[in-house]
N, C-alpha and C. Protein backbone atom coordinates (compact mmCIF):
# COMPACT_ATOMS: atom_id res chain seq x y z
N MET A 1 0.97 -1.53 0.02
CA MET A 1 0.44 0.23 0.10
C MET A 1 0.71 1.24 -0.13
N GLU A 2 1.70 1.25 0.95
CA GLU A 2 2.42 2.47 0.92
C GLU A 2 3.52 2.75 -0.44
N GLN A 3 3.95 1.75 -0.95
CA GLN A 3 4.69 1.80 -2.21
C GLN A 3 3.71 2.58 -2.96
N ALA A 4 2.50 1.99 -3.55
CA ALA A 4 1.40 2.54 -4.21
C ALA A 4 1.08 3.80 -4.04
N LEU A 5 0.99 4.42 -2.42
CA LEU A 5 0.18 6.13 -2.51
C LEU A 5 2.13 6.79 -2.76
N LEU A 6 3.22 6.36 -2.61
CA LEU A 6 4.62 6.53 -3.56
C LEU A 6 4.74 7.38 -4.65
N GLU A 7 3.97 5.81 -5.20
CA GLU A 7 3.82 6.09 -7.18
C GLU A 7 3.33 7.08 -7.50
N GLN A 8 1.93 6.98 -6.77
CA GLN A 8 1.32 8.17 -6.96
C GLN A 8 1.32 9.56 -6.88
N ILE A 9 1.97 9.25 -5.51
CA ILE A 9 2.29 10.75 -5.22
C ILE A 9 3.80 11.61 -5.95
N GLN A 10 4.33 10.61 -6.69
CA GLN A 10 5.58 10.80 -7.59
C GLN A 10 4.94 11.34 -8.91
N ARG A 11 3.92 10.77 -8.90
CA ARG A 11 3.25 11.53 -10.48
C ARG A 11 2.55 12.91 -10.58
N LEU A 12 2.67 13.21 -9.32
CA LEU A 12 1.88 14.41 -9.26
C LEU A 12 2.81 15.58 -9.81
N PRO A 13 2.38 16.86 -9.68
CA PRO A 13 3.38 18.35 -9.33
C PRO A 13 3.50 18.78 -8.56
N GLU A 14 4.52 19.21 -8.14
CA GLU A 14 5.13 19.59 -6.87
C GLU A 14 4.58 20.12 -5.78
N SER A 15 3.05 21.05 -6.34
CA SER A 15 2.17 22.06 -5.87
C SER A 15 1.29 20.86 -5.68
N ALA A 16 0.82 20.09 -5.99
CA ALA A 16 -0.17 19.03 -5.51
C ALA A 16 0.51 17.95 -4.52
N GLN A 17 1.75 17.49 -4.82
CA GLN A 17 2.46 16.78 -3.85
C GLN A 17 1.88 17.28 -2.53
N GLN A 18 2.32 18.87 -2.43
CA GLN A 18 2.47 19.83 -1.38
C GLN A 18 0.68 19.54 -0.61
N GLU A 19 -0.16 20.08 -1.84
CA GLU A 19 -1.18 19.72 -1.25
C GLU A 19 -1.59 18.43 -0.77
N ALA A 20 -1.08 17.76 -1.31
CA ALA A 20 -1.59 15.59 -0.76
C ALA A 20 -1.32 15.82 0.47
N LEU A 21 0.22 16.56 0.75
CA LEU A 21 0.88 16.65 1.99
C LEU A 21 -0.26 16.96 3.50
N GLN A 22 -0.36 18.16 2.88
CA GLN A 22 -1.76 18.64 4.35
C GLN A 22 -2.10 17.89 4.63
N TYR A 23 -3.38 17.10 3.26
CA TYR A 23 -4.26 16.43 3.82
C TYR A 23 -4.36 15.25 4.12
N ILE A 24 -2.95 14.84 4.07
CA ILE A 24 -2.30 13.59 4.53
C ILE A 24 -2.15 13.95 6.33
N GLU A 25 -1.49 15.28 6.52
CA GLU A 25 -1.24 15.90 7.67
C GLU A 25 -2.64 15.75 8.46
N GLY A 26 -3.95 16.23 7.94
CA GLY A 26 -4.68 16.32 8.68
C GLY A 26 -5.32 15.49 9.14
N LEU A 27 -5.76 14.34 8.02
CA LEU A 27 -5.89 12.74 8.32
C LEU A 27 -5.07 12.16 9.72
N VAL A 28 -4.06 12.46 10.30
CA VAL A 28 -3.26 12.25 10.59
C VAL A 28 -3.55 12.65 12.03
N ALA A 29 -3.90 13.69 11.82
CA ALA A 29 -4.19 15.09 12.90
C ALA A 29 -5.59 14.61 13.53
N LYS A 30 -6.65 13.54 12.66
CA LYS A 30 -8.25 13.89 12.92
C LYS A 30 -7.83 12.32 13.98
N TYR A 31 -7.27 11.26 13.01
CA TYR A 31 -7.06 9.91 13.10
C TYR A 31 -6.57 9.67 15.00
N ASN A 32 -5.36 10.87 15.11
CA ASN A 32 -4.98 10.83 16.33
C ASN A 32 -5.91 11.37 17.36
N GLN A 33 -6.81 12.54 17.26
CA GLN A 33 -7.52 13.38 18.11
C GLN A 33 -8.34 12.12 18.47
N SER A 34 -9.05 10.95 17.43
CA SER A 34 -10.26 10.28 17.78
C SER A 34 -9.76 8.96 18.70
N VAL A 35 -8.53 8.60 18.35
CA VAL A 35 -8.02 7.77 18.96
C VAL A 35 -7.31 7.99 20.16
N GLN A 36 -7.15 9.01 20.84
CA GLN A 36 -6.71 9.70 21.91
C GLN A 36 -7.64 10.41 23.04
N ALA A 37 -9.50 9.76 22.57
CA ALA A 37 -10.39 10.30 23.09
C ALA A 37 -10.00 10.11 24.77
N PRO A 38 -10.47 11.03 25.66
CA PRO A 38 -10.32 10.44 27.13
C PRO A 38 -11.78 9.53 27.57
N LEU A 39 -10.75 8.48 28.34
CA LEU A 39 -12.02 7.45 28.60
C LEU A 39 -12.30 7.71 30.06
N VAL A 40 -13.58 7.41 30.30
CA VAL A 40 -14.02 7.79 31.05
C VAL A 40 -13.54 6.82 32.65
N ASP A 41 -13.06 7.28 33.70
CA ASP A 41 -12.64 6.65 34.87
C ASP A 41 -13.80 5.66 35.01
N ARG A 42 -13.24 4.31 35.41
CA ARG A 42 -14.22 3.04 35.62
C ARG A 42 -14.78 3.22 37.01
N LYS A 43 -13.96 3.97 37.93
CA LYS A 43 -14.62 4.19 39.17
C LYS A 43 -15.96 5.12 39.41
N ASN A 44 -15.76 5.61 38.59
CA ASN A 44 -16.65 7.05 37.99
C ASN A 44 -17.75 6.84 36.87
N ALA A 45 -17.77 5.71 36.19
CA ALA A 45 -18.76 5.47 35.74
C ALA A 45 -19.90 5.07 35.74
N PHE A 46 -19.96 4.39 36.80
CA PHE A 46 -21.54 4.20 37.48
C PHE A 46 -22.77 5.14 37.54
N GLY A 47 -23.77 5.54 36.73
CA GLY A 47 -24.43 6.80 36.69
C GLY A 47 -24.32 7.08 35.73
N ILE A 48 -23.78 7.46 34.96
CA ILE A 48 -23.35 8.71 33.79
C ILE A 48 -24.89 8.47 32.44
N TRP A 49 -25.27 7.76 32.30
CA TRP A 49 -26.43 7.27 31.65
C TRP A 49 -27.66 7.56 32.91
N LYS A 50 -27.36 7.81 33.81
CA LYS A 50 -28.89 8.37 34.77
C LYS A 50 -29.61 9.20 33.74
N GLY A 51 -30.69 8.92 33.90
CA GLY A 51 -31.82 10.38 33.23
C GLY A 51 -31.97 10.43 31.79
N GLU A 52 -30.77 9.13 31.43
CA GLU A 52 -30.86 9.26 29.60
C GLU A 52 -31.43 8.13 28.99
N VAL A 53 -31.76 6.86 30.12
CA VAL A 53 -32.50 6.16 29.43
C VAL A 53 -33.55 6.06 29.92
N TRP A 54 -34.60 4.94 29.44
CA TRP A 54 -35.63 5.08 30.11
C TRP A 54 -36.32 3.32 29.50
N LEU A 55 -37.54 2.75 30.19
CA LEU A 55 -38.11 1.46 29.56
C LEU A 55 -39.51 2.06 30.12
N SER A 56 -40.23 1.68 29.10
CA SER A 56 -41.47 1.67 28.70
C SER A 56 -41.88 0.71 30.62
N ASP A 57 -43.45 0.91 30.98
CA ASP A 57 -43.94 0.59 32.08
C ASP A 57 -44.15 -0.87 31.51
N ASP A 58 -44.50 -1.38 30.54
CA ASP A 58 -45.07 -2.77 29.92
C ASP A 58 -44.12 -3.42 29.15
N PHE A 59 -42.16 -3.33 29.37
CA PHE A 59 -41.31 -3.55 29.23
C PHE A 59 -41.50 -5.39 29.06
N ASN A 60 -42.03 -6.12 30.09
CA ASN A 60 -42.03 -7.39 29.83
C ASN A 60 -43.40 -8.33 29.88
N ALA A 61 -44.39 -7.20 29.27
CA ALA A 61 -45.55 -7.66 28.70
C ALA A 61 -45.39 -8.64 27.76
N THR A 62 -46.22 -9.77 27.68
CA THR A 62 -46.21 -10.58 26.49
C THR A 62 -46.47 -9.67 25.31
N LEU A 63 -46.05 -9.60 24.40
CA LEU A 63 -46.18 -9.08 22.97
C LEU A 63 -47.65 -9.94 21.94
N ASP A 64 -48.65 -9.18 21.88
CA ASP A 64 -49.26 -9.75 21.33
C ASP A 64 -49.20 -10.55 19.94
N ASP A 65 -48.06 -10.16 19.47
CA ASP A 65 -47.84 -10.65 17.58
C ASP A 65 -47.59 -12.45 18.75
N LEU A 66 -46.95 -12.74 19.55
CA LEU A 66 -46.62 -13.47 20.08
C LEU A 66 -47.66 -14.75 21.03
N GLN A 67 -48.32 -14.31 20.93
CA GLN A 67 -49.58 -14.50 21.87
C GLN A 67 -49.95 -15.88 21.41
N GLU A 68 -49.53 -16.55 20.02
CA GLU A 68 -50.53 -17.67 19.86
C GLU A 68 -49.14 -19.16 19.97
N TYR A 69 -48.01 -18.32 20.16
CA TYR A 69 -46.60 -19.15 20.57
C TYR A 69 -46.38 -19.60 21.94
N MET A 70 -47.34 -19.01 23.11
CA MET A 70 -46.87 -18.60 24.26
C MET A 70 -47.81 -19.73 24.88
């Protein structure tokens, strides 16, 4: 893969090579930013979804579509 990239870049004029370099640097920065996202400390992780998730009152009720199988 690296060899194919190098061959293609070498075929470009120098101004386009500079543009490609800037694009690649942007991709590297974006990737590094997403990889180094802060992790939630496990001891403080409990309760972080409080108020964000809900279940309906009839969550455990039998589904009408499955009545014939029950």
